[in-house]
Amino acid sequence: NLQLRQPIFLGDGRSVVSTSPQEGFL
């Protein structure tokens, strides 16, 4: 479908809390 694979950032207004995909999701 020509969608760019990319990580997703999870953050609040100040910082990056985590980045997905998360560990264990294979």
PDB file of all heavy atoms in Angstrom:
ATOM      1  N   ASN A   1       0.806  -1.230   0.000  1.00  0.00           N
ATOM      2  CA  ASN A   1       0.000   0.000   0.000  1.00  0.00           C
ATOM      3  C   ASN A   1       0.839   1.280   0.000  1.00  0.00           C
ATOM      4  O   ASN A   1       0.291   2.364   0.138  1.00  0.00           O
ATOM      5  CB  ASN A   1      -0.960   0.011   1.191  1.00  0.00           C
ATOM      6  CG  ASN A   1      -0.234  -0.022   2.533  1.00  0.00           C
ATOM      7  OD1 ASN A   1       0.996   0.023   2.603  1.00  0.00           O
ATOM      8  ND2 ASN A   1      -1.003  -0.109   3.604  1.00  0.00           N
ATOM      9  N   LEU A   2       2.171   1.156  -0.141  1.00  0.00           N
ATOM     10  CA  LEU A   2       3.079   2.307  -0.244  1.00  0.00           C
ATOM     11  C   LEU A   2       3.054   3.194   0.997  1.00  0.00           C
ATOM     12  O   LEU A   2       3.261   4.396   0.922  1.00  0.00           O
ATOM     13  CB  LEU A   2       2.776   3.132  -1.494  1.00  0.00           C
ATOM     14  CG  LEU A   2       2.876   2.371  -2.819  1.00  0.00           C
ATOM     15  CD1 LEU A   2       2.637   3.321  -3.991  1.00  0.00           C
ATOM     16  CD2 LEU A   2       4.226   1.673  -2.949  1.00  0.00           C
ATOM     17  N   GLN A   3       2.812   2.579   2.153  1.00  0.00           N
ATOM     18  CA  GLN A   3       2.911   3.275   3.429  1.00  0.00           C
ATOM     19  C   GLN A   3       4.327   3.121   3.968  1.00  0.00           C
ATOM     20  O   GLN A   3       4.880   2.021   3.989  1.00  0.00           O
ATOM     21  CB  GLN A   3       1.915   2.705   4.439  1.00  0.00           C
ATOM     22  CG  GLN A   3       2.114   3.181   5.872  1.00  0.00           C
ATOM     23  CD  GLN A   3       1.910   4.674   6.044  1.00  0.00           C
ATOM     24  OE1 GLN A   3       0.873   5.203   5.650  1.00  0.00           O
ATOM     25  NE2 GLN A   3       2.876   5.358   6.622  1.00  0.00           N
ATOM     26  N   LEU A   4       4.932   4.220   4.410  1.00  0.00           N
ATOM     27  CA  LEU A   4       6.271   4.163   4.973  1.00  0.00           C
ATOM     28  C   LEU A   4       6.237   3.516   6.351  1.00  0.00           C
ATOM     29  O   LEU A   4       5.514   3.963   7.240  1.00  0.00           O
ATOM     30  CB  LEU A   4       6.862   5.568   5.078  1.00  0.00           C
ATOM     31  CG  LEU A   4       8.339   5.641   5.492  1.00  0.00           C
ATOM     32  CD1 LEU A   4       9.236   5.121   4.370  1.00  0.00           C
ATOM     33  CD2 LEU A   4       8.714   7.076   5.856  1.00  0.00           C
ATOM     34  N   ARG A   5       7.013   2.449   6.522  1.00  0.00           N
ATOM     35  CA  ARG A   5       7.173   1.853   7.846  1.00  0.00           C
ATOM     36  C   ARG A   5       7.952   2.838   8.725  1.00  0.00           C
ATOM     37  O   ARG A   5       8.958   3.392   8.291  1.00  0.00           O
ATOM     38  CB  ARG A   5       7.959   0.549   7.755  1.00  0.00           C
ATOM     39  CG  ARG A   5       7.287  -0.561   6.968  1.00  0.00           C
ATOM     40  CD  ARG A   5       8.199  -1.779   6.944  1.00  0.00           C
ATOM     41  NE  ARG A   5       7.576  -2.927   6.326  1.00  0.00           N
ATOM     42  CZ  ARG A   5       7.720  -3.275   5.044  1.00  0.00           C
ATOM     43  NH1 ARG A   5       8.488  -2.536   4.253  1.00  0.00           N
ATOM     44  NH2 ARG A   5       7.126  -4.336   4.567  1.00  0.00           N
ATOM     45  N   GLN A   6       7.495   2.999   9.960  1.00  0.00           N
ATOM     46  CA  GLN A   6       8.190   3.933  10.850  1.00  0.00           C
ATOM     47  C   GLN A   6       7.786   3.692  12.291  1.00  0.00           C
ATOM     48  O   GLN A   6       6.663   3.256  12.567  1.00  0.00           O
ATOM     49  CB  GLN A   6       7.870   5.375  10.463  1.00  0.00           C
ATOM     50  CG  GLN A   6       6.380   5.709  10.491  1.00  0.00           C
ATOM     51  CD  GLN A   6       6.078   7.049   9.854  1.00  0.00           C
ATOM     52  OE1 GLN A   6       6.378   8.084  10.421  1.00  0.00           O
ATOM     53  NE2 GLN A   6       5.510   7.013   8.663  1.00  0.00           N
ATOM     54  N   PRO A   7       8.676   3.976  13.235  1.00  0.00           N
ATOM     55  CA  PRO A   7       8.312   3.901  14.652  1.00  0.00           C
ATOM     56  C   PRO A   7       7.307   4.994  15.004  1.00  0.00           C
ATOM     57  O   PRO A   7       7.213   6.020  14.320  1.00  0.00           O
ATOM     58  CB  PRO A   7       9.643   4.114  15.378  1.00  0.00           C
ATOM     59  CG  PRO A   7      10.698   3.915  14.348  1.00  0.00           C
ATOM     60  CD  PRO A   7      10.086   4.306  13.042  1.00  0.00           C
ATOM     61  N   ILE A   8       6.606   4.777  16.089  1.00  0.00           N
ATOM     62  CA  ILE A   8       5.658   5.764  16.616  1.00  0.00           C
ATOM     63  C   ILE A   8       6.170   6.263  17.965  1.00  0.00           C
ATOM     64  O   ILE A   8       6.469   5.474  18.867  1.00  0.00           O
ATOM     65  CB  ILE A   8       4.252   5.149  16.776  1.00  0.00           C
ATOM     66  CG1 ILE A   8       3.693   4.724  15.416  1.00  0.00           C
ATOM     67  CG2 ILE A   8       3.303   6.134  17.450  1.00  0.00           C
ATOM     68  CD1 ILE A   8       3.544   5.854  14.405  1.00  0.00           C
ATOM     69  N   PHE A   9       6.293   7.582  18.080  1.00  0.00           N
ATOM     70  CA  PHE A   9       6.738   8.203  19.323  1.00  0.00           C
ATOM     71  C   PHE A   9       5.542   8.382  20.261  1.00  0.00           C
ATOM     72  O   PHE A   9       4.451   8.762  19.824  1.00  0.00           O
ATOM     73  CB  PHE A   9       7.362   9.568  19.049  1.00  0.00           C
ATOM     74  CG  PHE A   9       8.683   9.496  18.330  1.00  0.00           C
ATOM     75  CD1 PHE A   9       8.743   9.311  16.960  1.00  0.00           C
ATOM     76  CD2 PHE A   9       9.877   9.609  19.027  1.00  0.00           C
ATOM     77  CE1 PHE A   9       9.952   9.240  16.295  1.00  0.00           C
ATOM     78  CE2 PHE A   9      11.095   9.539  18.377  1.00  0.00           C
ATOM     79  CZ  PHE A   9      11.139   9.356  17.005  1.00  0.00           C
ATOM     80  N   LEU A  10       5.768   8.137  21.535  1.00  0.00           N
ATOM     81  CA  LEU A  10       4.750   8.365  22.561  1.00  0.00           C
ATOM     82  C   LEU A  10       5.302   9.406  23.516  1.00  0.00           C
ATOM     83  O   LEU A  10       6.351   9.197  24.141  1.00  0.00           O
ATOM     84  CB  LEU A  10       4.437   7.072  23.313  1.00  0.00           C
ATOM     85  CG  LEU A  10       4.042   5.871  22.442  1.00  0.00           C
ATOM     86  CD1 LEU A  10       3.977   4.609  23.272  1.00  0.00           C
ATOM     87  CD2 LEU A  10       2.710   6.126  21.756  1.00  0.00           C
ATOM     88  N   GLY A  11       4.608  10.531  23.612  1.00  0.00           N
ATOM     89  CA  GLY A  11       5.142  11.598  24.443  1.00  0.00           C
ATOM     90  C   GLY A  11       4.074  12.480  25.033  1.00  0.00           C
ATOM     91  O   GLY A  11       2.920  12.496  24.583  1.00  0.00           O
ATOM     92  N   ASP A  12       4.459  13.222  26.038  1.00  0.00           N
ATOM     93  CA  ASP A  12       3.599  14.269  26.582  1.00  0.00           C
ATOM     94  C   ASP A  12       4.098  15.594  26.022  1.00  0.00           C
ATOM     95  O   ASP A  12       4.804  15.628  25.025  1.00  0.00           O
ATOM     96  CB  ASP A  12       3.626  14.251  28.117  1.00  0.00           C
ATOM     97  CG  ASP A  12       5.042  14.366  28.676  1.00  0.00           C
ATOM     98  OD1 ASP A  12       5.966  14.698  27.904  1.00  0.00           O
ATOM     99  OD2 ASP A  12       5.222  14.128  29.889  1.00  0.00           O
ATOM    100  N   GLY A  13       3.755  16.675  26.639  1.00  0.00           N
ATOM    101  CA  GLY A  13       4.168  17.966  26.113  1.00  0.00           C
ATOM    102  C   GLY A  13       5.624  18.307  26.343  1.00  0.00           C
ATOM    103  O   GLY A  13       6.105  19.313  25.826  1.00  0.00           O
ATOM    104  N   ARG A  14       6.352  17.468  27.117  1.00  0.00           N
ATOM    105  CA  ARG A  14       7.713  17.810  27.491  1.00  0.00           C
ATOM    106  C   ARG A  14       8.765  16.832  26.978  1.00  0.00           C
ATOM    107  O   ARG A  14       9.890  17.234  26.729  1.00  0.00           O
ATOM    108  CB  ARG A  14       7.821  17.876  29.029  1.00  0.00           C
ATOM    109  CG  ARG A  14       6.814  18.775  29.705  1.00  0.00           C
ATOM    110  CD  ARG A  14       7.000  20.222  29.345  1.00  0.00           C
ATOM    111  NE  ARG A  14       8.296  20.730  29.764  1.00  0.00           N
ATOM    112  CZ  ARG A  14       8.724  21.962  29.511  1.00  0.00           C
ATOM    113  NH1 ARG A  14       7.945  22.793  28.822  1.00  0.00           N
ATOM    114  NH2 ARG A  14       9.919  22.361  29.913  1.00  0.00           N
ATOM    115  N   SER A  15       8.421  15.557  26.856  1.00  0.00           N
ATOM    116  CA  SER A  15       9.454  14.577  26.553  1.00  0.00           C
ATOM    117  C   SER A  15       8.878  13.360  25.840  1.00  0.00           C
ATOM    118  O   SER A  15       7.661  13.166  25.804  1.00  0.00           O
ATOM    119  CB  SER A  15      10.152  14.117  27.848  1.00  0.00           C
ATOM    120  OG  SER A  15       9.226  13.436  28.676  1.00  0.00           O
ATOM    121  N   VAL A  16       9.789  12.543  25.293  1.00  0.00           N
ATOM    122  CA  VAL A  16       9.413  11.256  24.703  1.00  0.00           C
ATOM    123  C   VAL A  16       9.362  10.229  25.827  1.00  0.00           C
ATOM    124  O   VAL A  16      10.361   9.995  26.517  1.00  0.00           O
ATOM    125  CB  VAL A  16      10.433  10.820  23.627  1.00  0.00           C
ATOM    126  CG1 VAL A  16      10.052   9.452  23.068  1.00  0.00           C
ATOM    127  CG2 VAL A  16      10.504  11.855  22.510  1.00  0.00           C
ATOM    128  N   VAL A  17       8.210   9.618  26.015  1.00  0.00           N
ATOM    129  CA  VAL A  17       8.045   8.613  27.062  1.00  0.00           C
ATOM    130  C   VAL A  17       8.530   7.251  26.582  1.00  0.00           C
ATOM    131  O   VAL A  17       9.213   6.525  27.294  1.00  0.00           O
ATOM    132  CB  VAL A  17       6.576   8.546  27.520  1.00  0.00           C
ATOM    133  CG1 VAL A  17       6.362   7.412  28.516  1.00  0.00           C
ATOM    134  CG2 VAL A  17       6.140   9.877  28.124  1.00  0.00           C
ATOM    135  N   SER A  18       8.188   6.904  25.336  1.00  0.00           N
ATOM    136  CA  SER A  18       8.594   5.621  24.784  1.00  0.00           C
ATOM    137  C   SER A  18       8.448   5.678  23.268  1.00  0.00           C
ATOM    138  O   SER A  18       7.929   6.656  22.707  1.00  0.00           O
ATOM    139  CB  SER A  18       7.740   4.487  25.361  1.00  0.00           C
ATOM    140  OG  SER A  18       8.205   3.231  24.908  1.00  0.00           O
ATOM    141  N   THR A  19       8.922   4.628  22.616  1.00  0.00           N
ATOM    142  CA  THR A  19       8.801   4.515  21.171  1.00  0.00           C
ATOM    143  C   THR A  19       8.338   3.105  20.828  1.00  0.00           C
ATOM    144  O   THR A  19       8.891   2.121  21.326  1.00  0.00           O
ATOM    145  CB  THR A  19      10.149   4.786  20.472  1.00  0.00           C
ATOM    146  OG1 THR A  19      10.662   6.048  20.911  1.00  0.00           O
ATOM    147  CG2 THR A  19       9.981   4.818  18.961  1.00  0.00           C
ATOM    148  N   SER A  20       7.310   2.998  19.998  1.00  0.00           N
ATOM    149  CA  SER A  20       6.800   1.698  19.553  1.00  0.00           C
ATOM    150  C   SER A  20       7.284   1.407  18.137  1.00  0.00           C
ATOM    151  O   SER A  20       7.520   2.334  17.361  1.00  0.00           O
ATOM    152  CB  SER A  20       5.265   1.697  19.601  1.00  0.00           C
ATOM    153  OG  SER A  20       4.803   1.730  20.933  1.00  0.00           O
ATOM    154  N   PRO A  21       7.462   0.117  17.757  1.00  0.00           N
ATOM    155  CA  PRO A  21       6.958  -1.076  18.447  1.00  0.00           C
ATOM    156  C   PRO A  21       7.705  -1.382  19.733  1.00  0.00           C
ATOM    157  O   PRO A  21       8.896  -1.129  19.852  1.00  0.00           O
ATOM    158  CB  PRO A  21       7.151  -2.183  17.404  1.00  0.00           C
ATOM    159  CG  PRO A  21       8.242  -1.691  16.511  1.00  0.00           C
ATOM    160  CD  PRO A  21       8.091  -0.201  16.451  1.00  0.00           C
ATOM    161  N   GLN A  22       6.943  -1.941  20.684  1.00  0.00           N
ATOM    162  CA  GLN A  22       7.497  -2.260  21.990  1.00  0.00           C
ATOM    163  C   GLN A  22       8.184  -3.623  21.973  1.00  0.00           C
ATOM    164  O   GLN A  22       7.937  -4.467  21.104  1.00  0.00           O
ATOM    165  CB  GLN A  22       6.370  -2.270  23.027  1.00  0.00           C
ATOM    166  CG  GLN A  22       5.701  -0.931  23.229  1.00  0.00           C
ATOM    167  CD  GLN A  22       6.615   0.101  23.861  1.00  0.00           C
ATOM    168  OE1 GLN A  22       7.369  -0.197  24.782  1.00  0.00           O
ATOM    169  NE2 GLN A  22       6.537   1.347  23.372  1.00  0.00           N
ATOM    170  N   GLU A  23       9.036  -3.820  22.940  1.00  0.00           N
ATOM    171  CA  GLU A  23       9.722  -5.090  23.097  1.00  0.00           C
ATOM    172  C   GLU A  23       8.718  -6.225  23.271  1.00  0.00           C
ATOM    173  O   GLU A  23       7.768  -6.115  24.039  1.00  0.00           O
ATOM    174  CB  GLU A  23      10.646  -5.012  24.309  1.00  0.00           C
ATOM    175  CG  GLU A  23      11.437  -6.269  24.579  1.00  0.00           C
ATOM    176  CD  GLU A  23      12.298  -6.158  25.819  1.00  0.00           C
ATOM    177  OE1 GLU A  23      12.323  -5.050  26.418  1.00  0.00           O
ATOM    178  OE2 GLU A  23      12.922  -7.158  26.186  1.00  0.00           O
ATOM    179  N   GLY A  24       8.925  -7.298  22.535  1.00  0.00           N
ATOM    180  CA  GLY A  24       8.053  -8.468  22.664  1.00  0.00           C
ATOM    181  C   GLY A  24       6.967  -8.572  21.619  1.00  0.00           C
ATOM    182  O   GLY A  24       6.330  -9.623  21.497  1.00  0.00           O
ATOM    183  N   PHE A  25       6.742  -7.496  20.851  1.00  0.00           N
ATOM    184  CA  PHE A  25       5.748  -7.548  19.784  1.00  0.00           C
ATOM    185  C   PHE A  25       6.482  -7.879  18.482  1.00  0.00           C
ATOM    186  O   PHE A  25       7.084  -7.007  17.844  1.00  0.00           O
ATOM    187  CB  PHE A  25       4.990  -6.223  19.680  1.00  0.00           C
ATOM    188  CG  PHE A  25       4.092  -5.970  20.855  1.00  0.00           C
ATOM    189  CD1 PHE A  25       4.580  -5.357  22.002  1.00  0.00           C
ATOM    190  CD2 PHE A  25       2.770  -6.362  20.831  1.00  0.00           C
ATOM    191  CE1 PHE A  25       3.766  -5.128  23.096  1.00  0.00           C
ATOM    192  CE2 PHE A  25       1.937  -6.144  21.922  1.00  0.00           C
ATOM    193  CZ  PHE A  25       2.435  -5.523  23.055  1.00  0.00           C
ATOM    194  N   LEU A  26       6.430  -9.135  18.093  1.00  0.00           N
ATOM    195  CA  LEU A  26       7.256  -9.655  17.012  1.00  0.00           C
ATOM    196  C   LEU A  26       6.477  -9.771  15.708  1.00  0.00           C
ATOM    197  O   LEU A  26       5.241  -9.817  15.692  1.00  0.00           O
ATOM    198  CB  LEU A  26       7.829 -11.020  17.408  1.00  0.00           C
ATOM    199  CG  LEU A  26       8.602 -11.059  18.739  1.00  0.00           C
ATOM    200  CD1 LEU A  26       9.071 -12.476  19.036  1.00  0.00           C
ATOM    201  CD2 LEU A  26       9.764 -10.087  18.715  1.00  0.00           C
TER     202      LEU A  26
END
